[in-house]
Amino acid sequence: MRKAKKGDTVIVNYTGTLDDGTCFDTSEGTDPLKFEIGEGTLLQLFEDSMLGMSGGEEKTIRIPAEEAYGAYNKDLLIAFQREQIPPNIEPKIGMELQIDEADGWNASVKVVEMNDTMVWVDANHPLAGKDLTFLLKLVRIV
């Protein structure tokens, strides 16, 4: 039976969970994921885990936070004066906002705290600091 190798395009079903069992992403109920192994579009350990697998094979992998989205960085908690938020946006805790910098850099941030004069946002990736577990099933090698 053919085994997946670097450069192969594969179709994969997956479910990603956190240590507490929370599912953060899944292909269940949607189309399976299609990608080229080694292209670098996904987490490296996710892609590398396909190497040597055959169609129909399943495995569970664990990706430590440092190799996924990195450690949680407290320096990415950013405070803004409330008047710096555009007047057409009424911030709420949990709301996602886009920050655009003059140099063209932009980031998705989440409102985590606020008071009458300040708004604090978190620019960390939502999965930063978290170990990820994936149940993978290689549907087929294209």
C-alpha atoms as a PDB file:
ATOM      1  CA  MET A   1       0.000   0.000   0.000  1.00  0.00           C
ATOM      2  CA  ARG A   2       1.253   3.486  -0.867  1.00  0.00           C
ATOM      3  CA  LYS A   3       2.741   5.516   2.005  1.00  0.00           C
ATOM      4  CA  ALA A   4       2.587   9.308   2.185  1.00  0.00           C
ATOM      5  CA  LYS A   5       5.825  11.176   1.547  1.00  0.00           C
ATOM      6  CA  LYS A   6       6.974  14.787   1.313  1.00  0.00           C
ATOM      7  CA  GLY A   7       5.426  16.477  -1.728  1.00  0.00           C
ATOM      8  CA  ASP A   8       2.319  14.273  -1.723  1.00  0.00           C
ATOM      9  CA  THR A   9      -1.080  15.926  -1.565  1.00  0.00           C
ATOM     10  CA  VAL A  10      -3.200  14.266   1.110  1.00  0.00           C
ATOM     11  CA  ILE A  11      -6.796  14.426   2.231  1.00  0.00           C
ATOM     12  CA  VAL A  12      -7.196  14.204   6.011  1.00  0.00           C
ATOM     13  CA  ASN A  13     -10.006  14.179   8.539  1.00  0.00           C
ATOM     14  CA  TYR A  14      -9.007  15.567  11.912  1.00  0.00           C
ATOM     15  CA  THR A  15     -10.233  16.619  15.322  1.00  0.00           C
ATOM     16  CA  GLY A  16      -8.129  18.928  17.482  1.00  0.00           C
ATOM     17  CA  THR A  17      -8.586  18.990  21.252  1.00  0.00           C
ATOM     18  CA  LEU A  18      -7.039  20.719  24.251  1.00  0.00           C
ATOM     19  CA  ASP A  19      -5.890  18.983  27.438  1.00  0.00           C
ATOM     20  CA  ASP A  20      -9.287  19.586  29.055  1.00  0.00           C
ATOM     21  CA  GLY A  21     -11.000  17.774  26.161  1.00  0.00           C
ATOM     22  CA  THR A  22     -12.330  20.925  24.487  1.00  0.00           C
ATOM     23  CA  CYS A  23     -12.534  20.548  20.712  1.00  0.00           C
ATOM     24  CA  PHE A  24     -10.975  23.645  19.108  1.00  0.00           C
ATOM     25  CA  ASP A  25     -11.248  22.511  15.470  1.00  0.00           C
ATOM     26  CA  THR A  26     -12.525  19.582  13.437  1.00  0.00           C
ATOM     27  CA  SER A  27     -13.239  18.591   9.869  1.00  0.00           C
ATOM     28  CA  GLU A  28     -16.240  16.586  11.062  1.00  0.00           C
ATOM     29  CA  GLY A  29     -19.349  17.772   9.258  1.00  0.00           C
ATOM     30  CA  THR A  30     -17.279  19.608   6.630  1.00  0.00           C
ATOM     31  CA  ASP A  31     -14.940  18.689   3.811  1.00  0.00           C
ATOM     32  CA  PRO A  32     -11.699  16.970   4.847  1.00  0.00           C
ATOM     33  CA  LEU A  33      -8.498  19.001   4.832  1.00  0.00           C
ATOM     34  CA  LYS A  34      -6.413  18.830   1.638  1.00  0.00           C
ATOM     35  CA  PHE A  35      -2.762  19.906   1.673  1.00  0.00           C
ATOM     36  CA  GLU A  36       0.685  19.126   0.321  1.00  0.00           C
ATOM     37  CA  ILE A  37       3.073  17.570   2.845  1.00  0.00           C
ATOM     38  CA  GLY A  38       6.076  19.832   3.321  1.00  0.00           C
ATOM     39  CA  GLU A  39       4.484  22.926   1.802  1.00  0.00           C
ATOM     40  CA  GLY A  40       4.452  24.618   5.198  1.00  0.00           C
ATOM     41  CA  THR A  41       0.854  25.792   5.187  1.00  0.00           C
ATOM     42  CA  LEU A  42       0.055  23.953   8.441  1.00  0.00           C
ATOM     43  CA  LEU A  43       1.868  23.314  11.704  1.00  0.00           C
ATOM     44  CA  GLN A  44       5.033  21.400  10.827  1.00  0.00           C
ATOM     45  CA  LEU A  45       4.366  18.503  13.220  1.00  0.00           C
ATOM     46  CA  PHE A  46       0.839  18.175  11.803  1.00  0.00           C
ATOM     47  CA  GLU A  47       2.235  17.891   8.261  1.00  0.00           C
ATOM     48  CA  ASP A  48       5.117  15.640   9.311  1.00  0.00           C
ATOM     49  CA  SER A  49       2.738  13.262  11.070  1.00  0.00           C
ATOM     50  CA  MET A  50       1.347  12.236   7.682  1.00  0.00           C
ATOM     51  CA  LEU A  51       4.709  10.858   6.543  1.00  0.00           C
ATOM     52  CA  GLY A  52       4.584   7.085   6.201  1.00  0.00           C
ATOM     53  CA  MET A  53       0.817   6.848   6.663  1.00  0.00           C
ATOM     54  CA  SER A  54      -1.423   4.959   4.240  1.00  0.00           C
ATOM     55  CA  GLY A  55      -4.984   5.731   3.203  1.00  0.00           C
ATOM     56  CA  GLY A  56      -7.455   4.781   5.932  1.00  0.00           C
ATOM     57  CA  GLU A  57      -4.806   4.861   8.681  1.00  0.00           C
ATOM     58  CA  GLU A  58      -5.492   6.789  11.909  1.00  0.00           C
ATOM     59  CA  LYS A  59      -3.199   8.181  14.567  1.00  0.00           C
ATOM     60  CA  THR A  60      -3.218  10.579  17.478  1.00  0.00           C
ATOM     61  CA  ILE A  61      -0.487  13.192  17.778  1.00  0.00           C
ATOM     62  CA  ARG A  62       0.340  15.766  20.422  1.00  0.00           C
ATOM     63  CA  ILE A  63       1.917  19.094  19.521  1.00  0.00           C
ATOM     64  CA  PRO A  64       3.476  21.002  22.427  1.00  0.00           C
ATOM     65  CA  ALA A  65       2.582  24.694  22.664  1.00  0.00           C
ATOM     66  CA  GLU A  66       6.135  25.725  21.741  1.00  0.00           C
ATOM     67  CA  GLU A  67       5.839  23.882  18.411  1.00  0.00           C
ATOM     68  CA  ALA A  68       2.255  24.967  17.790  1.00  0.00           C
ATOM     69  CA  TYR A  69       1.446  28.642  18.392  1.00  0.00           C
ATOM     70  CA  GLY A  70       4.163  29.382  20.941  1.00  0.00           C
ATOM     71  CA  ALA A  71       4.094  30.304  24.595  1.00  0.00           C
ATOM     72  CA  TYR A  72       1.549  32.796  25.856  1.00  0.00           C
ATOM     73  CA  ASN A  73       3.224  36.224  25.812  1.00  0.00           C
ATOM     74  CA  LYS A  74       1.992  38.726  28.429  1.00  0.00           C
ATOM     75  CA  ASP A  75       3.692  41.488  26.433  1.00  0.00           C
ATOM     76  CA  LEU A  76       0.966  41.025  23.814  1.00  0.00           C
ATOM     77  CA  LEU A  77      -1.674  42.389  26.195  1.00  0.00           C
ATOM     78  CA  ILE A  78      -2.069  45.908  24.849  1.00  0.00           C
ATOM     79  CA  ALA A  79      -3.875  48.853  26.440  1.00  0.00           C
ATOM     80  CA  PHE A  80      -5.592  51.562  24.396  1.00  0.00           C
ATOM     81  CA  GLN A  81      -7.282  54.754  25.405  1.00  0.00           C
ATOM     82  CA  ARG A  82     -10.959  54.232  24.694  1.00  0.00           C
ATOM     83  CA  GLU A  83     -10.955  57.245  22.348  1.00  0.00           C
ATOM     84  CA  GLN A  84      -8.427  55.406  20.106  1.00  0.00           C
ATOM     85  CA  ILE A  85     -11.171  52.922  19.185  1.00  0.00           C
ATOM     86  CA  PRO A  86     -13.166  54.162  16.155  1.00  0.00           C
ATOM     87  CA  PRO A  87     -16.453  55.743  17.252  1.00  0.00           C
ATOM     88  CA  ASN A  88     -18.515  53.279  15.190  1.00  0.00           C
ATOM     89  CA  ILE A  89     -17.167  50.344  17.256  1.00  0.00           C
ATOM     90  CA  GLU A  90     -18.584  49.656  20.699  1.00  0.00           C
ATOM     91  CA  PRO A  91     -16.066  47.254  22.261  1.00  0.00           C
ATOM     92  CA  LYS A  92     -17.282  44.334  24.359  1.00  0.00           C
ATOM     93  CA  ILE A  93     -15.319  41.686  26.255  1.00  0.00           C
ATOM     94  CA  GLY A  94     -14.608  38.781  23.884  1.00  0.00           C
ATOM     95  CA  MET A  95     -15.025  40.913  20.744  1.00  0.00           C
ATOM     96  CA  GLU A  96     -12.413  40.417  18.034  1.00  0.00           C
ATOM     97  CA  LEU A  97     -10.927  43.500  16.423  1.00  0.00           C
ATOM     98  CA  GLN A  98      -8.392  44.170  13.668  1.00  0.00           C
ATOM     99  CA  ILE A  99      -5.462  46.459  14.404  1.00  0.00           C
ATOM    100  CA  ASP A 100      -3.807  48.054  11.375  1.00  0.00           C
ATOM    101  CA  GLU A 101      -0.372  49.610  11.808  1.00  0.00           C
ATOM    102  CA  ALA A 102       1.145  52.303   9.585  1.00  0.00           C
ATOM    103  CA  ASP A 103       3.794  49.817   8.343  1.00  0.00           C
ATOM    104  CA  GLY A 104       1.087  47.583   6.875  1.00  0.00           C
ATOM    105  CA  TRP A 105       1.199  45.043   9.720  1.00  0.00           C
ATOM    106  CA  ASN A 106      -2.197  44.002  11.040  1.00  0.00           C
ATOM    107  CA  ALA A 107      -3.342  41.626  13.715  1.00  0.00           C
ATOM    108  CA  SER A 108      -6.493  40.125  15.050  1.00  0.00           C
ATOM    109  CA  VAL A 109      -6.917  40.920  18.746  1.00  0.00           C
ATOM    110  CA  LYS A 110      -9.485  40.066  21.382  1.00  0.00           C
ATOM    111  CA  VAL A 111     -10.941  42.511  23.903  1.00  0.00           C
ATOM    112  CA  VAL A 112     -10.170  41.060  27.354  1.00  0.00           C
ATOM    113  CA  GLU A 113     -10.850  43.941  29.738  1.00  0.00           C
ATOM    114  CA  MET A 114     -12.186  47.466  29.688  1.00  0.00           C
ATOM    115  CA  ASN A 115     -13.304  50.344  31.839  1.00  0.00           C
ATOM    116  CA  ASP A 116     -14.599  53.859  31.163  1.00  0.00           C
ATOM    117  CA  THR A 117     -11.287  55.124  29.786  1.00  0.00           C
ATOM    118  CA  MET A 118      -9.229  52.079  28.685  1.00  0.00           C
ATOM    119  CA  VAL A 119      -9.600  48.949  26.539  1.00  0.00           C
ATOM    120  CA  TRP A 120      -7.175  46.027  26.889  1.00  0.00           C
ATOM    121  CA  VAL A 121      -6.741  43.606  23.997  1.00  0.00           C
ATOM    122  CA  ASP A 122      -4.862  40.318  23.722  1.00  0.00           C
ATOM    123  CA  ALA A 123      -2.826  39.902  20.514  1.00  0.00           C
ATOM    124  CA  ASN A 124      -1.734  36.324  21.285  1.00  0.00           C
ATOM    125  CA  HIS A 125      -2.988  33.579  18.989  1.00  0.00           C
ATOM    126  CA  PRO A 126      -6.053  32.049  20.695  1.00  0.00           C
ATOM    127  CA  LEU A 127      -4.150  28.744  21.055  1.00  0.00           C
ATOM    128  CA  ALA A 128      -0.886  30.274  22.321  1.00  0.00           C
ATOM    129  CA  GLY A 129       0.416  28.476  25.398  1.00  0.00           C
ATOM    130  CA  LYS A 130      -1.714  25.397  24.752  1.00  0.00           C
ATOM    131  CA  ASP A 131      -0.634  21.870  23.886  1.00  0.00           C
ATOM    132  CA  LEU A 132      -2.708  20.473  21.014  1.00  0.00           C
ATOM    133  CA  THR A 133      -3.846  16.902  20.429  1.00  0.00           C
ATOM    134  CA  PHE A 134      -5.076  15.798  17.010  1.00  0.00           C
ATOM    135  CA  LEU A 135      -6.882  12.621  16.020  1.00  0.00           C
ATOM    136  CA  LEU A 136      -5.955  12.204  12.363  1.00  0.00           C
ATOM    137  CA  LYS A 137      -7.268   9.930   9.654  1.00  0.00           C
ATOM    138  CA  LEU A 138      -5.546   9.910   6.291  1.00  0.00           C
ATOM    139  CA  VAL A 139      -8.466   9.549   3.892  1.00  0.00           C
ATOM    140  CA  ARG A 140      -6.268   9.196   0.805  1.00  0.00           C
ATOM    141  CA  ILE A 141      -3.152  10.305  -0.988  1.00  0.00           C
ATOM    142  CA  VAL A 142      -4.096  12.229  -4.127  1.00  0.00           C
END
